[in-house]
């Protein structure tokens, strides 16, 4: 029997003041999301901002980190992260927005 996958809507995508990519969830998230760090993949739960975040962006683009966060949430927590139809983009380069939308929009 396959385990069901929960779906979370990404309301905001931003680079925070620490240089991390942050995907804020419309629902505010779930306390168990904090366990994503156990995947040892550079993805963490940010309780204050109700979203998943990367380590500081250095070698990877925002688009690559976005894909990493989505992938780790899916494999580690069985959560499907989906872009909101009216997602807010903050401080994300235009080329990364285009790539993220092409690869992840439903």
PDB file of N, CA and C in Angstrom:
ATOM      1  N   UNK A   1       0.838  -1.179   0.000  1.00  0.00           N
ATOM      2  CA  UNK A   1       0.000   0.000   0.000  1.00  0.00           C
ATOM      3  C   UNK A   1       0.887   1.247   0.000  1.00  0.00           C
ATOM      4  N   UNK A   2       0.663   2.124  -0.926  1.00  0.00           N
ATOM      5  CA  UNK A   2       1.467   3.349  -1.032  1.00  0.00           C
ATOM      6  C   UNK A   2       1.033   4.351   0.030  1.00  0.00           C
ATOM      7  N   UNK A   3       1.995   5.017   0.606  1.00  0.00           N
ATOM      8  CA  UNK A   3       1.686   6.068   1.566  1.00  0.00           C
ATOM      9  C   UNK A   3       1.193   7.295   0.815  1.00  0.00           C
ATOM     10  N   UNK A   4       0.198   7.953   1.381  1.00  0.00           N
ATOM     11  CA  UNK A   4      -0.303   9.157   0.719  1.00  0.00           C
ATOM     12  C   UNK A   4       0.685  10.299   0.899  1.00  0.00           C
ATOM     13  N   UNK A   5       0.623  11.234  -0.017  1.00  0.00           N
ATOM     14  CA  UNK A   5       1.513  12.374   0.046  1.00  0.00           C
ATOM     15  C   UNK A   5       0.690  13.627   0.317  1.00  0.00           C
ATOM     16  N   UNK A   6       1.102  14.388   1.320  1.00  0.00           N
ATOM     17  CA  UNK A   6       0.432  15.647   1.610  1.00  0.00           C
ATOM     18  C   UNK A   6       0.916  16.701   0.631  1.00  0.00           C
ATOM     19  N   UNK A   7       0.069  17.681   0.380  1.00  0.00           N
ATOM     20  CA  UNK A   7       0.416  18.778  -0.522  1.00  0.00           C
ATOM     21  C   UNK A   7       0.439  20.067   0.283  1.00  0.00           C
ATOM     22  N   UNK A   8       1.474  20.846   0.072  1.00  0.00           N
ATOM     23  CA  UNK A   8       1.602  22.167   0.693  1.00  0.00           C
ATOM     24  C   UNK A   8       1.766  23.199  -0.410  1.00  0.00           C
ATOM     25  N   UNK A   9       1.112  24.330  -0.240  1.00  0.00           N
ATOM     26  CA  UNK A   9       1.177  25.409  -1.223  1.00  0.00           C
ATOM     27  C   UNK A   9       2.264  26.403  -0.817  1.00  0.00           C
ATOM     28  N   UNK A  10       3.153  26.707  -1.753  1.00  0.00           N
ATOM     29  CA  UNK A  10       4.208  27.700  -1.526  1.00  0.00           C
ATOM     30  C   UNK A  10       3.615  29.072  -1.832  1.00  0.00           C
ATOM     31  N   UNK A  11       3.529  29.912  -0.798  1.00  0.00           N
ATOM     32  CA  UNK A  11       2.935  31.244  -0.950  1.00  0.00           C
ATOM     33  C   UNK A  11       3.966  32.302  -1.313  1.00  0.00           C
ATOM     34  N   UNK A  12       5.216  32.083  -0.875  1.00  0.00           N
ATOM     35  CA  UNK A  12       6.254  33.097  -1.080  1.00  0.00           C
ATOM     36  C   UNK A  12       7.599  32.425  -1.286  1.00  0.00           C
ATOM     37  N   UNK A  13       8.362  32.941  -2.242  1.00  0.00           N
ATOM     38  CA  UNK A  13       9.724  32.476  -2.499  1.00  0.00           C
ATOM     39  C   UNK A  13      10.620  33.699  -2.376  1.00  0.00           C
ATOM     40  N   UNK A  14      11.610  33.604  -1.495  1.00  0.00           N
ATOM     41  CA  UNK A  14      12.475  34.777  -1.279  1.00  0.00           C
ATOM     42  C   UNK A  14      13.881  34.370  -0.886  1.00  0.00           C
ATOM     43  N   UNK A  15      14.785  35.320  -1.064  1.00  0.00           N
ATOM     44  CA  UNK A  15      16.112  35.191  -0.483  1.00  0.00           C
ATOM     45  C   UNK A  15      16.067  36.040   0.780  1.00  0.00           C
ATOM     46  N   UNK A  16      16.278  35.381   1.921  1.00  0.00           N
ATOM     47  CA  UNK A  16      16.178  36.109   3.193  1.00  0.00           C
ATOM     48  C   UNK A  16      17.460  36.906   3.477  1.00  0.00           C
ATOM     49  N   UNK A  17      17.472  37.582   4.612  1.00  0.00           N
ATOM     50  CA  UNK A  17      18.611  38.453   4.942  1.00  0.00           C
ATOM     51  C   UNK A  17      19.894  37.685   5.252  1.00  0.00           C
ATOM     52  N   UNK A  18      19.815  36.363   5.373  1.00  0.00           N
ATOM     53  CA  UNK A  18      21.007  35.536   5.594  1.00  0.00           C
ATOM     54  C   UNK A  18      21.499  34.905   4.292  1.00  0.00           C
ATOM     55  N   UNK A  19      20.842  35.265   3.165  1.00  0.00           N
ATOM     56  CA  UNK A  19      21.245  34.717   1.878  1.00  0.00           C
ATOM     57  C   UNK A  19      20.760  33.305   1.632  1.00  0.00           C
ATOM     58  N   UNK A  20      19.698  32.895   2.341  1.00  0.00           N
ATOM     59  CA  UNK A  20      19.126  31.568   2.175  1.00  0.00           C
ATOM     60  C   UNK A  20      17.858  31.666   1.324  1.00  0.00           C
ATOM     61  N   UNK A  21      17.599  30.639   0.528  1.00  0.00           N
ATOM     62  CA  UNK A  21      16.341  30.582  -0.209  1.00  0.00           C
ATOM     63  C   UNK A  21      15.277  30.075   0.749  1.00  0.00           C
ATOM     64  N   UNK A  22      14.169  30.787   0.838  1.00  0.00           N
ATOM     65  CA  UNK A  22      13.088  30.439   1.753  1.00  0.00           C
ATOM     66  C   UNK A  22      11.798  30.252   0.972  1.00  0.00           C
ATOM     67  N   UNK A  23      11.163  29.095   1.158  1.00  0.00           N
ATOM     68  CA  UNK A  23       9.871  28.800   0.551  1.00  0.00           C
ATOM     69  C   UNK A  23       8.843  28.800   1.678  1.00  0.00           C
ATOM     70  N   UNK A  24       8.070  29.873   1.794  1.00  0.00           N
ATOM     71  CA  UNK A  24       7.078  29.996   2.861  1.00  0.00           C
ATOM     72  C   UNK A  24       5.772  29.328   2.442  1.00  0.00           C
ATOM     73  N   UNK A  25       5.173  28.589   3.375  1.00  0.00           N
ATOM     74  CA  UNK A  25       3.969  27.825   3.085  1.00  0.00           C
ATOM     75  C   UNK A  25       2.707  28.581   3.481  1.00  0.00           C
ATOM     76  N   UNK A  26       1.687  28.487   2.649  1.00  0.00           N
ATOM     77  CA  UNK A  26       0.408  29.157   2.898  1.00  0.00           C
ATOM     78  C   UNK A  26      -0.232  28.659   4.194  1.00  0.00           C
ATOM     79  N   UNK A  27      -0.058  27.384   4.509  1.00  0.00           N
ATOM     80  CA  UNK A  27      -0.700  26.782   5.683  1.00  0.00           C
ATOM     81  C   UNK A  27       0.007  27.124   6.996  1.00  0.00           C
ATOM     82  N   UNK A  28       1.237  27.606   6.900  1.00  0.00           N
ATOM     83  CA  UNK A  28       2.036  27.827   8.106  1.00  0.00           C
ATOM     84  C   UNK A  28       2.844  26.604   8.494  1.00  0.00           C
ATOM     85  N   UNK A  29       2.585  25.487   7.813  1.00  0.00           N
ATOM     86  CA  UNK A  29       3.391  24.295   8.038  1.00  0.00           C
ATOM     87  C   UNK A  29       2.924  23.421   9.179  1.00  0.00           C
ATOM     88  N   UNK A  30       3.809  22.537   9.598  1.00  0.00           N
ATOM     89  CA  UNK A  30       3.511  21.512  10.578  1.00  0.00           C
ATOM     90  C   UNK A  30       4.760  21.318  11.429  1.00  0.00           C
ATOM     91  N   UNK A  31       4.577  21.099  12.717  1.00  0.00           N
ATOM     92  CA  UNK A  31       5.728  20.956  13.627  1.00  0.00           C
ATOM     93  C   UNK A  31       6.677  19.834  13.201  1.00  0.00           C
ATOM     94  N   UNK A  32       6.157  18.784  12.589  1.00  0.00           N
ATOM     95  CA  UNK A  32       7.026  17.675  12.187  1.00  0.00           C
ATOM     96  C   UNK A  32       7.970  18.030  11.043  1.00  0.00           C
ATOM     97  N   UNK A  33       7.723  19.144  10.372  1.00  0.00           N
ATOM     98  CA  UNK A  33       8.597  19.545   9.267  1.00  0.00           C
ATOM     99  C   UNK A  33      10.012  19.853   9.738  1.00  0.00           C
ATOM    100  N   UNK A  34      10.163  20.145  11.025  1.00  0.00           N
ATOM    101  CA  UNK A  34      11.501  20.426  11.554  1.00  0.00           C
ATOM    102  C   UNK A  34      12.460  19.254  11.353  1.00  0.00           C
ATOM    103  N   UNK A  35      11.930  18.068  11.166  1.00  0.00           N
ATOM    104  CA  UNK A  35      12.775  16.883  11.025  1.00  0.00           C
ATOM    105  C   UNK A  35      13.437  16.754   9.656  1.00  0.00           C
ATOM    106  N   UNK A  36      13.160  17.682   8.766  1.00  0.00           N
ATOM    107  CA  UNK A  36      13.759  17.618   7.430  1.00  0.00           C
ATOM    108  C   UNK A  36      15.292  17.696   7.495  1.00  0.00           C
ATOM    109  N   UNK A  37      15.830  18.321   8.544  1.00  0.00           N
ATOM    110  CA  UNK A  37      17.293  18.419   8.668  1.00  0.00           C
ATOM    111  C   UNK A  37      17.943  17.041   8.676  1.00  0.00           C
ATOM    112  N   UNK A  38      17.208  16.026   9.085  1.00  0.00           N
ATOM    113  CA  UNK A  38      17.760  14.669   9.163  1.00  0.00           C
ATOM    114  C   UNK A  38      18.163  14.115   7.799  1.00  0.00           C
ATOM    115  N   UNK A  39      17.656  14.722   6.743  1.00  0.00           N
ATOM    116  CA  UNK A  39      18.007  14.267   5.394  1.00  0.00           C
ATOM    117  C   UNK A  39      19.442  14.659   5.034  1.00  0.00           C
ATOM    118  N   UNK A  40      20.050  15.550   5.822  1.00  0.00           N
ATOM    119  CA  UNK A  40      21.434  15.992   5.603  1.00  0.00           C
ATOM    120  C   UNK A  40      21.657  16.465   4.171  1.00  0.00           C
ATOM    121  N   UNK A  41      20.700  17.305   3.700  1.00  0.00           N
ATOM    122  CA  UNK A  41      20.743  17.759   2.304  1.00  0.00           C
ATOM    123  C   UNK A  41      20.757  19.281   2.195  1.00  0.00           C
ATOM    124  N   UNK A  42      21.081  19.962   3.301  1.00  0.00           N
ATOM    125  CA  UNK A  42      21.147  21.422   3.262  1.00  0.00           C
ATOM    126  C   UNK A  42      19.791  22.099   3.299  1.00  0.00           C
ATOM    127  N   UNK A  43      18.746  21.375   3.717  1.00  0.00           N
ATOM    128  CA  UNK A  43      17.389  21.921   3.784  1.00  0.00           C
ATOM    129  C   UNK A  43      16.926  21.889   5.233  1.00  0.00           C
ATOM    130  N   UNK A  44      16.338  22.995   5.671  1.00  0.00           N
ATOM    131  CA  UNK A  44      15.912  23.141   7.062  1.00  0.00           C
ATOM    132  C   UNK A  44      14.520  23.746   7.139  1.00  0.00           C
ATOM    133  N   UNK A  45      13.844  23.541   8.263  1.00  0.00           N
ATOM    134  CA  UNK A  45      12.553  24.155   8.522  1.00  0.00           C
ATOM    135  C   UNK A  45      12.787  25.462   9.279  1.00  0.00           C
ATOM    136  N   UNK A  46      12.175  26.541   8.840  1.00  0.00           N
ATOM    137  CA  UNK A  46      12.268  27.850   9.494  1.00  0.00           C
ATOM    138  C   UNK A  46      10.913  28.112  10.161  1.00  0.00           C
ATOM    139  N   UNK A  47      10.841  27.826  11.459  1.00  0.00           N
ATOM    140  CA  UNK A  47       9.585  27.943  12.196  1.00  0.00           C
ATOM    141  C   UNK A  47       9.059  29.379  12.197  1.00  0.00           C
ATOM    142  N   UNK A  48       9.948  30.350  12.337  1.00  0.00           N
ATOM    143  CA  UNK A  48       9.528  31.756  12.401  1.00  0.00           C
ATOM    144  C   UNK A  48       8.875  32.234  11.115  1.00  0.00           C
ATOM    145  N   UNK A  49       9.352  31.718   9.974  1.00  0.00           N
ATOM    146  CA  UNK A  49       8.834  32.153   8.677  1.00  0.00           C
ATOM    147  C   UNK A  49       7.962  31.101   7.992  1.00  0.00           C
ATOM    148  N   UNK A  50       7.678  30.023   8.699  1.00  0.00           N
ATOM    149  CA  UNK A  50       6.763  28.984   8.228  1.00  0.00           C
ATOM    150  C   UNK A  50       7.127  28.454   6.848  1.00  0.00           C
ATOM    151  N   UNK A  51       8.404  28.085   6.720  1.00  0.00           N
ATOM    152  CA  UNK A  51       8.825  27.576   5.419  1.00  0.00           C
ATOM    153  C   UNK A  51      10.110  26.777   5.470  1.00  0.00           C
ATOM    154  N   UNK A  52      10.417  26.176   4.340  1.00  0.00           N
ATOM    155  CA  UNK A  52      11.663  25.432   4.184  1.00  0.00           C
ATOM    156  C   UNK A  52      12.721  26.367   3.624  1.00  0.00           C
ATOM    157  N   UNK A  53      13.956  26.205   4.106  1.00  0.00           N
ATOM    158  CA  UNK A  53      15.035  27.071   3.631  1.00  0.00           C
ATOM    159  C   UNK A  53      16.275  26.259   3.315  1.00  0.00           C
ATOM    160  N   UNK A  54      17.117  26.887   2.505  1.00  0.00           N
ATOM    161  CA  UNK A  54      18.394  26.294   2.126  1.00  0.00           C
ATOM    162  C   UNK A  54      19.475  26.790   3.073  1.00  0.00           C
ATOM    163  N   UNK A  55      20.660  26.237   2.911  1.00  0.00           N
ATOM    164  CA  UNK A  55      21.830  26.856   3.517  1.00  0.00           C
ATOM    165  C   UNK A  55      22.102  28.115   2.690  1.00  0.00           C
ATOM    166  N   UNK A  56      22.989  28.991   3.117  1.00  0.00           N
ATOM    167  CA  UNK A  56      23.257  30.195   2.305  1.00  0.00           C
ATOM    168  C   UNK A  56      23.618  29.836   0.864  1.00  0.00           C
ATOM    169  N   UNK A  57      23.016  30.578  -0.054  1.00  0.00           N
ATOM    170  CA  UNK A  57      23.217  30.324  -1.488  1.00  0.00           C
ATOM    171  C   UNK A  57      24.625  30.779  -1.877  1.00  0.00           C
ATOM    172  N   UNK A  58      25.423  29.853  -2.359  1.00  0.00           N
ATOM    173  CA  UNK A  58      26.761  30.181  -2.836  1.00  0.00           C
ATOM    174  C   UNK A  58      26.961  29.641  -4.238  1.00  0.00           C
ATOM    175  N   UNK A  59      27.163  28.338  -4.335  1.00  0.00           N
ATOM    176  CA  UNK A  59      27.499  27.716  -5.620  1.00  0.00           C
ATOM    177  C   UNK A  59      26.288  27.397  -6.485  1.00  0.00           C
ATOM    178  N   UNK A  60      25.118  27.257  -5.873  1.00  0.00           N
ATOM    179  CA  UNK A  60      23.927  26.875  -6.621  1.00  0.00           C
ATOM    180  C   UNK A  60      23.059  28.090  -6.907  1.00  0.00           C
ATOM    181  N   UNK A  61      22.300  28.017  -7.988  1.00  0.00           N
ATOM    182  CA  UNK A  61      21.331  29.065  -8.316  1.00  0.00           C
ATOM    183  C   UNK A  61      20.094  28.901  -7.437  1.00  0.00           C
ATOM    184  N   UNK A  62      19.259  29.933  -7.405  1.00  0.00           N
ATOM    185  CA  UNK A  62      17.979  29.842  -6.682  1.00  0.00           C
ATOM    186  C   UNK A  62      17.136  28.704  -7.251  1.00  0.00           C
ATOM    187  N   UNK A  63      17.143  28.566  -8.569  1.00  0.00           N
ATOM    188  CA  UNK A  63      16.342  27.516  -9.210  1.00  0.00           C
ATOM    189  C   UNK A  63      16.803  26.125  -8.780  1.00  0.00           C
ATOM    190  N   UNK A  64      18.117  25.936  -8.677  1.00  0.00           N
ATOM    191  CA  UNK A  64      18.631  24.624  -8.264  1.00  0.00           C
ATOM    192  C   UNK A  64      18.283  24.363  -6.798  1.00  0.00           C
ATOM    193  N   UNK A  65      18.403  25.366  -5.953  1.00  0.00           N
ATOM    194  CA  UNK A  65      18.023  25.203  -4.539  1.00  0.00           C
ATOM    195  C   UNK A  65      16.527  24.939  -4.408  1.00  0.00           C
ATOM    196  N   UNK A  66      15.715  25.608  -5.211  1.00  0.00           N
ATOM    197  CA  UNK A  66      14.278  25.383  -5.182  1.00  0.00           C
ATOM    198  C   UNK A  66      13.995  23.903  -5.462  1.00  0.00           C
ATOM    199  N   UNK A  67      14.600  23.374  -6.518  1.00  0.00           N
ATOM    200  CA  UNK A  67      14.419  21.961  -6.872  1.00  0.00           C
ATOM    201  C   UNK A  67      14.909  21.045  -5.756  1.00  0.00           C
ATOM    202  N   UNK A  68      16.013  21.403  -5.126  1.00  0.00           N
ATOM    203  CA  UNK A  68      16.562  20.613  -4.013  1.00  0.00           C
ATOM    204  C   UNK A  68      15.564  20.564  -2.856  1.00  0.00           C
ATOM    205  N   UNK A  69      15.011  21.703  -2.473  1.00  0.00           N
ATOM    206  CA  UNK A  69      14.065  21.756  -1.360  1.00  0.00           C
ATOM    207  C   UNK A  69      12.825  20.921  -1.683  1.00  0.00           C
ATOM    208  N   UNK A  70      12.290  21.091  -2.882  1.00  0.00           N
ATOM    209  CA  UNK A  70      11.097  20.333  -3.296  1.00  0.00           C
ATOM    210  C   UNK A  70      11.382  18.825  -3.258  1.00  0.00           C
ATOM    211  N   UNK A  71      12.535  18.430  -3.769  1.00  0.00           N
ATOM    212  CA  UNK A  71      12.909  17.025  -3.820  1.00  0.00           C
ATOM    213  C   UNK A  71      13.097  16.432  -2.422  1.00  0.00           C
ATOM    214  N   UNK A  72      13.780  17.147  -1.546  1.00  0.00           N
ATOM    215  CA  UNK A  72      14.047  16.652  -0.194  1.00  0.00           C
ATOM    216  C   UNK A  72      12.748  16.575   0.624  1.00  0.00           C
ATOM    217  N   UNK A  73      11.867  17.553   0.454  1.00  0.00           N
ATOM    218  CA  UNK A  73      10.578  17.513   1.158  1.00  0.00           C
ATOM    219  C   UNK A  73       9.767  16.299   0.706  1.00  0.00           C
ATOM    220  N   UNK A  74       9.844  16.009  -0.589  1.00  0.00           N
ATOM    221  CA  UNK A  74       9.094  14.874  -1.142  1.00  0.00           C
ATOM    222  C   UNK A  74       9.653  13.545  -0.644  1.00  0.00           C
ATOM    223  N   UNK A  75      10.954  13.374  -0.731  1.00  0.00           N
ATOM    224  CA  UNK A  75      11.555  12.096  -0.352  1.00  0.00           C
ATOM    225  C   UNK A  75      11.643  11.914   1.162  1.00  0.00           C
ATOM    226  N   UNK A  76      11.925  12.989   1.886  1.00  0.00           N
ATOM    227  CA  UNK A  76      12.135  12.861   3.323  1.00  0.00           C
ATOM    228  C   UNK A  76      10.884  12.980   4.170  1.00  0.00           C
ATOM    229  N   UNK A  77       9.936  13.813   3.748  1.00  0.00           N
ATOM    230  CA  UNK A  77       8.737  14.057   4.551  1.00  0.00           C
ATOM    231  C   UNK A  77       7.442  13.643   3.850  1.00  0.00           C
ATOM    232  N   UNK A  78       7.549  13.198   2.606  1.00  0.00           N
ATOM    233  CA  UNK A  78       6.380  12.830   1.798  1.00  0.00           C
ATOM    234  C   UNK A  78       5.416  14.001   1.643  1.00  0.00           C
ATOM    235  N   UNK A  79       5.990  15.176   1.335  1.00  0.00           N
ATOM    236  CA  UNK A  79       5.212  16.392   1.113  1.00  0.00           C
ATOM    237  C   UNK A  79       5.471  16.869  -0.307  1.00  0.00           C
ATOM    238  N   UNK A  80       4.399  17.126  -1.030  1.00  0.00           N
ATOM    239  CA  UNK A  80       4.513  17.710  -2.360  1.00  0.00           C
ATOM    240  C   UNK A  80       4.381  19.221  -2.215  1.00  0.00           C
ATOM    241  N   UNK A  81       5.433  19.944  -2.559  1.00  0.00           N
ATOM    242  CA  UNK A  81       5.407  21.401  -2.504  1.00  0.00           C
ATOM    243  C   UNK A  81       4.983  21.930  -3.862  1.00  0.00           C
ATOM    244  N   UNK A  82       3.946  22.779  -3.871  1.00  0.00           N
ATOM    245  CA  UNK A  82       3.356  23.277  -5.101  1.00  0.00           C
ATOM    246  C   UNK A  82       3.311  24.800  -5.062  1.00  0.00           C
ATOM    247  N   UNK A  83       3.700  25.425  -6.171  1.00  0.00           N
ATOM    248  CA  UNK A  83       3.639  26.893  -6.258  1.00  0.00           C
ATOM    249  C   UNK A  83       2.191  27.373  -6.267  1.00  0.00           C
ATOM    250  N   UNK A  84       1.918  28.385  -5.462  1.00  0.00           N
ATOM    251  CA  UNK A  84       0.616  29.043  -5.497  1.00  0.00           C
ATOM    252  C   UNK A  84       0.456  29.736  -6.848  1.00  0.00           C
ATOM    253  N   UNK A  85      -0.772  29.865  -7.302  1.00  0.00           N
ATOM    254  CA  UNK A  85      -1.036  30.582  -8.561  1.00  0.00           C
ATOM    255  C   UNK A  85      -0.613  32.037  -8.454  1.00  0.00           C
ATOM    256  N   UNK A  86      -0.638  32.581  -7.245  1.00  0.00           N
ATOM    257  CA  UNK A  86      -0.240  33.985  -7.042  1.00  0.00           C
ATOM    258  C   UNK A  86       0.922  34.085  -6.055  1.00  0.00           C
ATOM    259  N   UNK A  87       1.919  33.218  -6.256  1.00  0.00           N
ATOM    260  CA  UNK A  87       3.101  33.212  -5.396  1.00  0.00           C
ATOM    261  C   UNK A  87       3.783  34.579  -5.408  1.00  0.00           C
ATOM    262  N   UNK A  88       4.310  34.973  -4.265  1.00  0.00           N
ATOM    263  CA  UNK A  88       5.061  36.226  -4.133  1.00  0.00           C
ATOM    264  C   UNK A  88       6.541  35.893  -4.295  1.00  0.00           C
ATOM    265  N   UNK A  89       7.205  36.628  -5.195  1.00  0.00           N
ATOM    266  CA  UNK A  89       8.647  36.457  -5.429  1.00  0.00           C
ATOM    267  C   UNK A  89       9.353  37.662  -4.823  1.00  0.00           C
ATOM    268  N   UNK A  90      10.358  37.426  -3.993  1.00  0.00           N
ATOM    269  CA  UNK A  90      11.090  38.535  -3.378  1.00  0.00           C
ATOM    270  C   UNK A  90      12.595  38.315  -3.516  1.00  0.00           C
ATOM    271  N   UNK A  91      13.238  39.213  -4.223  1.00  0.00           N
ATOM    272  CA  UNK A  91      14.692  39.184  -4.415  1.00  0.00           C
ATOM    273  C   UNK A  91      15.192  37.951  -5.162  1.00  0.00           C
ATOM    274  N   UNK A  92      14.341  37.382  -6.013  1.00  0.00           N
ATOM    275  CA  UNK A  92      14.725  36.219  -6.821  1.00  0.00           C
ATOM    276  C   UNK A  92      15.025  36.713  -8.236  1.00  0.00           C
ATOM    277  N   UNK A  93      16.203  36.372  -8.791  1.00  0.00           N
ATOM    278  CA  UNK A  93      16.524  36.803 -10.153  1.00  0.00           C
ATOM    279  C   UNK A  93      15.480  36.305 -11.168  1.00  0.00           C
ATOM    280  N   UNK A  94      15.186  37.129 -12.136  1.00  0.00           N
ATOM    281  CA  UNK A  94      14.162  36.820 -13.141  1.00  0.00           C
ATOM    282  C   UNK A  94      14.420  35.492 -13.850  1.00  0.00           C
ATOM    283  N   UNK A  95      15.682  35.228 -14.186  1.00  0.00           N
ATOM    284  CA  UNK A  95      15.987  33.977 -14.893  1.00  0.00           C
ATOM    285  C   UNK A  95      15.681  32.761 -14.016  1.00  0.00           C
ATOM    286  N   UNK A  96      15.873  32.890 -12.709  1.00  0.00           N
ATOM    287  CA  UNK A  96      15.552  31.796 -11.787  1.00  0.00           C
ATOM    288  C   UNK A  96      14.039  31.622 -11.666  1.00  0.00           C
ATOM    289  N   UNK A  97      13.300  32.721 -11.624  1.00  0.00           N
ATOM    290  CA  UNK A  97      11.837  32.636 -11.573  1.00  0.00           C
ATOM    291  C   UNK A  97      11.329  31.875 -12.791  1.00  0.00           C
ATOM    292  N   UNK A  98      11.832  32.239 -13.964  1.00  0.00           N
ATOM    293  CA  UNK A  98      11.419  31.586 -15.209  1.00  0.00           C
ATOM    294  C   UNK A  98      11.697  30.093 -15.146  1.00  0.00           C
ATOM    295  N   UNK A  99      12.894  29.734 -14.699  1.00  0.00           N
ATOM    296  CA  UNK A  99      13.271  28.321 -14.629  1.00  0.00           C
ATOM    297  C   UNK A  99      12.423  27.553 -13.600  1.00  0.00           C
ATOM    298  N   UNK A 100      12.188  28.168 -12.454  1.00  0.00           N
ATOM    299  CA  UNK A 100      11.372  27.532 -11.415  1.00  0.00           C
ATOM    300  C   UNK A 100       9.952  27.293 -11.932  1.00  0.00           C
ATOM    301  N   UNK A 101       9.359  28.300 -12.545  1.00  0.00           N
ATOM    302  CA  UNK A 101       7.986  28.178 -13.056  1.00  0.00           C
ATOM    303  C   UNK A 101       7.927  27.107 -14.147  1.00  0.00           C
ATOM    304  N   UNK A 102       8.902  27.094 -15.044  1.00  0.00           N
ATOM    305  CA  UNK A 102       8.916  26.086 -16.113  1.00  0.00           C
ATOM    306  C   UNK A 102       9.007  24.671 -15.560  1.00  0.00           C
ATOM    307  N   UNK A 103       9.804  24.500 -14.503  1.00  0.00           N
ATOM    308  CA  UNK A 103      10.050  23.160 -13.960  1.00  0.00           C
ATOM    309  C   UNK A 103       9.054  22.710 -12.901  1.00  0.00           C
ATOM    310  N   UNK A 104       8.353  23.656 -12.269  1.00  0.00           N
ATOM    311  CA  UNK A 104       7.549  23.286 -11.100  1.00  0.00           C
ATOM    312  C   UNK A 104       6.099  23.736 -11.119  1.00  0.00           C
ATOM    313  N   UNK A 105       5.693  24.545 -12.076  1.00  0.00           N
ATOM    314  CA  UNK A 105       4.294  24.991 -12.106  1.00  0.00           C
ATOM    315  C   UNK A 105       3.401  23.822 -12.532  1.00  0.00           C
ATOM    316  N   UNK A 106       2.218  23.790 -11.965  1.00  0.00           N
ATOM    317  CA  UNK A 106       1.264  22.722 -12.301  1.00  0.00           C
ATOM    318  C   UNK A 106       0.406  23.180 -13.460  1.00  0.00           C
TER     319      UNK A 106
END
